[in-house]
Amino acid sequence: MNDSRLSGIDPAKLQMLFSMSGQGASKSQNELMPFLMAVAARSRQNGMTFTPEETNLIIEVMKQGKSKEEIARIEKIRMMMRLIK
């Protein structure tokens, strides 16, 4: 994902997101929530947090070029993550 808008985000955060997205892509809906909760807990333990601006930007970049179904899944994940916080 080479989008210049992401240049201001810590490379460690981006690396963690790329890793998470690769691992989460194959998860079923039932597996997704526990997976996201574990990722969020690990991130907090490592002191890694995202500002609301970073989160919104990352999600908008992720949605580019995606089908309506993929965008709907991204938004569903976004809603799940809000519940975790």
N, C-alpha and C. Protein backbone atom coordinates (compact mmCIF):
# COMPACT_ATOMS: atom_id res chain seq x y z
N MET A 1 0.86 -1.17 0.00
CA MET A 1 0.00 0.00 0.00
C MET A 1 0.90 1.23 0.00
N ASN A 2 1.09 1.77 -1.16
CA ASN A 2 1.96 2.95 -1.29
C ASN A 2 1.11 4.18 -1.54
N ASP A 3 0.64 4.77 -0.49
CA ASP A 3 -0.18 5.97 -0.58
C ASP A 3 0.54 7.06 0.20
N SER A 4 0.82 8.17 -0.45
CA SER A 4 1.59 9.24 0.19
C SER A 4 0.91 9.78 1.44
N ARG A 5 -0.41 9.63 1.54
CA ARG A 5 -1.12 10.12 2.72
C ARG A 5 -0.71 9.37 3.99
N LEU A 6 -0.15 8.18 3.83
CA LEU A 6 0.27 7.38 4.99
C LEU A 6 1.68 7.71 5.46
N SER A 7 2.36 8.61 4.77
CA SER A 7 3.76 8.88 5.08
C SER A 7 3.98 9.44 6.48
N GLY A 8 2.98 10.04 7.08
CA GLY A 8 3.14 10.60 8.42
C GLY A 8 2.87 9.61 9.54
N ILE A 9 2.51 8.39 9.20
CA ILE A 9 2.20 7.38 10.21
C ILE A 9 3.44 6.54 10.48
N ASP A 10 3.68 6.26 11.74
CA ASP A 10 4.82 5.47 12.18
C ASP A 10 4.91 4.17 11.37
N PRO A 11 6.06 3.90 10.77
CA PRO A 11 6.22 2.66 9.98
C PRO A 11 5.93 1.39 10.78
N ALA A 12 6.20 1.39 12.06
CA ALA A 12 5.90 0.20 12.89
C ALA A 12 4.39 -0.04 12.96
N LYS A 13 3.63 1.03 13.02
CA LYS A 13 2.17 0.90 13.04
C LYS A 13 1.68 0.35 11.71
N LEU A 14 2.22 0.87 10.62
CA LEU A 14 1.80 0.39 9.30
C LEU A 14 2.16 -1.08 9.12
N GLN A 15 3.33 -1.47 9.57
CA GLN A 15 3.75 -2.86 9.45
C GLN A 15 2.80 -3.77 10.23
N MET A 16 2.43 -3.36 11.43
CA MET A 16 1.51 -4.15 12.23
C MET A 16 0.16 -4.27 11.52
N LEU A 17 -0.31 -3.18 10.91
CA LEU A 17 -1.59 -3.22 10.19
C LEU A 17 -1.54 -4.14 8.98
N PHE A 18 -0.44 -4.08 8.23
CA PHE A 18 -0.32 -4.95 7.06
C PHE A 18 -0.32 -6.42 7.49
N SER A 19 0.38 -6.70 8.56
CA SER A 19 0.42 -8.05 9.09
C SER A 19 -0.97 -8.50 9.53
N MET A 20 -1.65 -7.65 10.28
CA MET A 20 -2.98 -7.96 10.77
C MET A 20 -3.95 -8.18 9.61
N SER A 21 -3.88 -7.34 8.60
CA SER A 21 -4.83 -7.46 7.50
C SER A 21 -4.59 -8.76 6.74
N GLY A 22 -3.34 -9.16 6.60
CA GLY A 22 -3.05 -10.43 5.94
C GLY A 22 -3.57 -11.62 6.72
N GLN A 23 -3.41 -11.58 8.02
CA GLN A 23 -3.87 -12.67 8.88
C GLN A 23 -5.39 -12.68 8.98
N GLY A 24 -6.01 -11.52 9.01
CA GLY A 24 -7.45 -11.43 9.19
C GLY A 24 -8.26 -11.70 7.93
N ALA A 25 -7.62 -11.61 6.77
CA ALA A 25 -8.34 -11.77 5.51
C ALA A 25 -8.99 -13.14 5.37
N SER A 26 -8.38 -14.14 5.96
CA SER A 26 -8.91 -15.50 5.81
C SER A 26 -9.85 -15.91 6.94
N LYS A 27 -10.08 -15.01 7.87
CA LYS A 27 -10.94 -15.33 9.03
C LYS A 27 -12.42 -15.27 8.65
N SER A 28 -13.19 -16.18 9.24
CA SER A 28 -14.64 -16.14 9.06
C SER A 28 -15.20 -15.04 9.96
N GLN A 29 -16.47 -14.73 9.78
CA GLN A 29 -17.11 -13.72 10.63
C GLN A 29 -17.03 -14.13 12.10
N ASN A 30 -17.18 -15.41 12.40
CA ASN A 30 -17.13 -15.87 13.79
C ASN A 30 -15.72 -15.77 14.38
N GLU A 31 -14.72 -15.90 13.55
CA GLU A 31 -13.33 -15.84 14.01
C GLU A 31 -12.81 -14.41 14.09
N LEU A 32 -13.46 -13.51 13.38
CA LEU A 32 -12.93 -12.15 13.24
C LEU A 32 -12.92 -11.36 14.54
N MET A 33 -13.99 -11.39 15.30
CA MET A 33 -14.05 -10.61 16.54
C MET A 33 -12.99 -11.06 17.54
N PRO A 34 -12.84 -12.36 17.84
CA PRO A 34 -11.78 -12.76 18.77
C PRO A 34 -10.39 -12.39 18.25
N PHE A 35 -10.20 -12.50 16.94
CA PHE A 35 -8.92 -12.13 16.34
C PHE A 35 -8.64 -10.65 16.55
N LEU A 36 -9.63 -9.80 16.27
CA LEU A 36 -9.44 -8.35 16.43
C LEU A 36 -9.21 -7.97 17.89
N MET A 37 -9.90 -8.63 18.79
CA MET A 37 -9.71 -8.35 20.21
C MET A 37 -8.29 -8.70 20.65
N ALA A 38 -7.78 -9.82 20.16
CA ALA A 38 -6.41 -10.23 20.50
C ALA A 38 -5.40 -9.24 19.92
N VAL A 39 -5.61 -8.80 18.69
CA VAL A 39 -4.71 -7.82 18.07
C VAL A 39 -4.73 -6.51 18.85
N ALA A 40 -5.92 -6.06 19.22
CA ALA A 40 -6.05 -4.80 19.97
C ALA A 40 -5.35 -4.90 21.32
N ALA A 41 -5.50 -6.03 21.99
CA ALA A 41 -4.86 -6.23 23.30
C ALA A 41 -3.34 -6.24 23.16
N ARG A 42 -2.83 -6.94 22.15
CA ARG A 42 -1.37 -6.99 21.92
C ARG A 42 -0.83 -5.59 21.61
N SER A 43 -1.57 -4.85 20.81
CA SER A 43 -1.13 -3.50 20.45
C SER A 43 -1.05 -2.61 21.69
N ARG A 44 -2.06 -2.69 22.54
CA ARG A 44 -2.06 -1.88 23.76
C ARG A 44 -0.91 -2.29 24.68
N GLN A 45 -0.65 -3.59 24.79
CA GLN A 45 0.44 -4.07 25.63
C GLN A 45 1.79 -3.55 25.14
N ASN A 46 1.89 -3.39 23.83
CA ASN A 46 3.14 -2.88 23.24
C ASN A 46 3.16 -1.36 23.17
N GLY A 47 2.14 -0.71 23.73
CA GLY A 47 2.10 0.75 23.75
C GLY A 47 1.76 1.37 22.41
N MET A 48 1.19 0.60 21.51
CA MET A 48 0.87 1.11 20.18
C MET A 48 -0.60 1.53 20.14
N THR A 49 -0.81 2.81 19.94
CA THR A 49 -2.17 3.33 19.81
C THR A 49 -2.26 4.15 18.53
N PHE A 50 -3.47 4.29 18.04
CA PHE A 50 -3.72 5.07 16.83
C PHE A 50 -4.64 6.23 17.17
N THR A 51 -4.31 7.38 16.63
CA THR A 51 -5.19 8.53 16.81
C THR A 51 -6.43 8.31 15.94
N PRO A 52 -7.53 8.99 16.26
CA PRO A 52 -8.71 8.87 15.38
C PRO A 52 -8.40 9.29 13.94
N GLU A 53 -7.54 10.28 13.79
CA GLU A 53 -7.18 10.74 12.44
C GLU A 53 -6.42 9.66 11.69
N GLU A 54 -5.47 9.00 12.37
CA GLU A 54 -4.72 7.91 11.74
C GLU A 54 -5.66 6.78 11.33
N THR A 55 -6.56 6.44 12.23
CA THR A 55 -7.50 5.35 11.97
C THR A 55 -8.37 5.67 10.75
N ASN A 56 -8.93 6.85 10.71
CA ASN A 56 -9.78 7.24 9.59
C ASN A 56 -9.02 7.25 8.27
N LEU A 57 -7.81 7.77 8.28
CA LEU A 57 -7.00 7.82 7.07
C LEU A 57 -6.67 6.42 6.58
N ILE A 58 -6.25 5.57 7.48
CA ILE A 58 -5.89 4.19 7.11
C ILE A 58 -7.10 3.48 6.49
N ILE A 59 -8.25 3.65 7.10
CA ILE A 59 -9.45 2.98 6.58
C ILE A 59 -9.83 3.51 5.21
N GLU A 60 -9.73 4.81 5.02
CA GLU A 60 -10.05 5.38 3.71
C GLU A 60 -9.09 4.87 2.64
N VAL A 61 -7.83 4.75 2.95
CA VAL A 61 -6.85 4.22 2.00
C VAL A 61 -7.17 2.75 1.70
N MET A 62 -7.52 1.99 2.73
CA MET A 62 -7.82 0.57 2.54
C MET A 62 -9.04 0.37 1.63
N LYS A 63 -9.98 1.29 1.64
CA LYS A 63 -11.21 1.15 0.87
C LYS A 63 -11.02 1.45 -0.62
N GLN A 64 -9.95 2.11 -0.98
CA GLN A 64 -9.74 2.48 -2.38
C GLN A 64 -9.62 1.24 -3.25
N GLY A 65 -10.37 1.26 -4.35
CA GLY A 65 -10.30 0.18 -5.32
C GLY A 65 -11.01 -1.10 -4.90
N LYS A 66 -11.70 -1.07 -3.79
CA LYS A 66 -12.39 -2.27 -3.29
C LYS A 66 -13.82 -2.32 -3.83
N SER A 67 -14.35 -3.53 -3.86
CA SER A 67 -15.75 -3.71 -4.28
C SER A 67 -16.67 -3.22 -3.16
N LYS A 68 -17.95 -3.10 -3.48
CA LYS A 68 -18.92 -2.68 -2.47
C LYS A 68 -18.95 -3.67 -1.31
N GLU A 69 -18.81 -4.95 -1.62
CA GLU A 69 -18.83 -5.98 -0.59
C GLU A 69 -17.61 -5.85 0.33
N GLU A 70 -16.45 -5.60 -0.27
CA GLU A 70 -15.23 -5.44 0.54
C GLU A 70 -15.31 -4.19 1.41
N ILE A 71 -15.85 -3.12 0.87
CA ILE A 71 -16.01 -1.88 1.64
C ILE A 71 -16.97 -2.12 2.80
N ALA A 72 -18.04 -2.86 2.55
CA ALA A 72 -19.00 -3.18 3.62
C ALA A 72 -18.30 -3.99 4.71
N ARG A 73 -17.44 -4.92 4.34
CA ARG A 73 -16.71 -5.72 5.33
C ARG A 73 -15.75 -4.83 6.13
N ILE A 74 -15.06 -3.92 5.47
CA ILE A 74 -14.16 -3.00 6.16
C ILE A 74 -14.94 -2.16 7.17
N GLU A 75 -16.10 -1.67 6.76
CA GLU A 75 -16.91 -0.85 7.67
C GLU A 75 -17.43 -1.69 8.84
N LYS A 76 -17.74 -2.95 8.58
CA LYS A 76 -18.20 -3.83 9.66
C LYS A 76 -17.07 -4.04 10.67
N ILE A 77 -15.87 -4.25 10.17
CA ILE A 77 -14.71 -4.41 11.05
C ILE A 77 -14.48 -3.13 11.85
N ARG A 78 -14.64 -2.00 11.18
CA ARG A 78 -14.48 -0.70 11.85
C ARG A 78 -15.45 -0.57 13.02
N MET A 79 -16.70 -0.97 12.80
CA MET A 79 -17.69 -0.91 13.86
C MET A 79 -17.32 -1.85 15.01
N MET A 80 -16.83 -3.03 14.67
CA MET A 80 -16.41 -3.99 15.70
C MET A 80 -15.28 -3.42 16.54
N MET A 81 -14.33 -2.78 15.88
CA MET A 81 -13.19 -2.21 16.60
C MET A 81 -13.63 -1.10 17.53
N ARG A 82 -14.63 -0.35 17.15
CA ARG A 82 -15.15 0.71 18.05
C ARG A 82 -15.74 0.10 19.31
N LEU A 83 -16.35 -1.05 19.18
CA LEU A 83 -16.92 -1.73 20.35
C LEU A 83 -15.84 -2.23 21.31
N ILE A 84 -14.70 -2.59 20.77
CA ILE A 84 -13.60 -3.11 21.58
C ILE A 84 -12.99 -2.04 22.46
N LYS A 85 -12.89 -0.83 21.95
CA LYS A 85 -12.24 0.27 22.69
C LYS A 85 -12.98 0.55 23.91
